Amino acid sequence: MGKGDKKTKRGKIIKGSFGVRRPRKVKRVDAKKEEVKTEDK
């Protein structure tokens, strides 16, 4: 278990892959849209 282990978060960071242990960042489009709407008003 370490940098070479694809099943761990650290291993996925090194490999540059995603999965259950290292999910992709959720796009927060809603938060950005709300900020734009409040600025326009």
C-alpha atoms as a PDB file:
ATOM      1  CA  MET A   1       0.000   0.000   0.000  1.00  0.00           C
ATOM      2  CA  GLY A   2       1.664   3.137  -1.194  1.00  0.00           C
ATOM      3  CA  LYS A   3       2.512   5.138  -4.280  1.00  0.00           C
ATOM      4  CA  GLY A   4       2.453   2.111  -6.568  1.00  0.00           C
ATOM      5  CA  ASP A   5      -0.847   0.718  -5.290  1.00  0.00           C
ATOM      6  CA  LYS A   6      -3.624   1.686  -7.718  1.00  0.00           C
ATOM      7  CA  LYS A   7      -6.311   0.955  -5.118  1.00  0.00           C
ATOM      8  CA  THR A   8      -5.207   3.662  -2.672  1.00  0.00           C
ATOM      9  CA  LYS A   9      -5.804   7.398  -2.913  1.00  0.00           C
ATOM     10  CA  ARG A  10      -2.064   8.102  -2.969  1.00  0.00           C
ATOM     11  CA  GLY A  11      -1.536   5.564  -5.747  1.00  0.00           C
ATOM     12  CA  LYS A  12      -4.306   7.113  -7.804  1.00  0.00           C
ATOM     13  CA  ILE A  13      -2.805  10.587  -7.374  1.00  0.00           C
ATOM     14  CA  ILE A  14       0.559   9.261  -8.606  1.00  0.00           C
ATOM     15  CA  LYS A  15      -1.065   7.408 -11.540  1.00  0.00           C
ATOM     16  CA  GLY A  16      -3.403  10.309 -12.317  1.00  0.00           C
ATOM     17  CA  SER A  17      -6.519   8.124 -12.258  1.00  0.00           C
ATOM     18  CA  PHE A  18      -9.866   8.472 -10.519  1.00  0.00           C
ATOM     19  CA  GLY A  19     -12.206   6.056  -8.782  1.00  0.00           C
ATOM     20  CA  VAL A  20     -14.044   5.350  -5.532  1.00  0.00           C
ATOM     21  CA  ARG A  21     -11.030   6.225  -3.379  1.00  0.00           C
ATOM     22  CA  ARG A  22     -10.305   9.384  -5.394  1.00  0.00           C
ATOM     23  CA  PRO A  23     -13.464  10.778  -6.967  1.00  0.00           C
ATOM     24  CA  ARG A  24     -13.297  13.618  -9.465  1.00  0.00           C
ATOM     25  CA  LYS A  25     -14.051  17.035  -8.021  1.00  0.00           C
ATOM     26  CA  VAL A  26     -17.742  17.869  -8.316  1.00  0.00           C
ATOM     27  CA  LYS A  27     -18.317  20.854 -10.572  1.00  0.00           C
ATOM     28  CA  ARG A  28     -20.103  23.520  -8.564  1.00  0.00           C
ATOM     29  CA  VAL A  29     -21.816  25.220 -11.488  1.00  0.00           C
ATOM     30  CA  ASP A  30     -24.846  26.134  -9.371  1.00  0.00           C
ATOM     31  CA  ALA A  31     -22.795  28.189  -6.912  1.00  0.00           C
ATOM     32  CA  LYS A  32     -21.121  30.161  -9.714  1.00  0.00           C
ATOM     33  CA  LYS A  33     -24.457  30.853 -11.428  1.00  0.00           C
ATOM     34  CA  GLU A  34     -25.917  32.137  -8.166  1.00  0.00           C
ATOM     35  CA  GLU A  35     -22.989  34.538  -7.718  1.00  0.00           C
ATOM     36  CA  VAL A  36     -23.436  35.907 -11.244  1.00  0.00           C
ATOM     37  CA  LYS A  37     -27.169  36.370 -10.724  1.00  0.00           C
ATOM     38  CA  THR A  38     -26.636  38.325  -7.506  1.00  0.00           C
ATOM     39  CA  GLU A  39     -24.028  40.568  -9.151  1.00  0.00           C
ATOM     40  CA  ASP A  40     -26.328  41.425 -12.070  1.00  0.00           C
ATOM     41  CA  LYS A  41     -29.171  42.592  -9.817  1.00  0.00           C
END
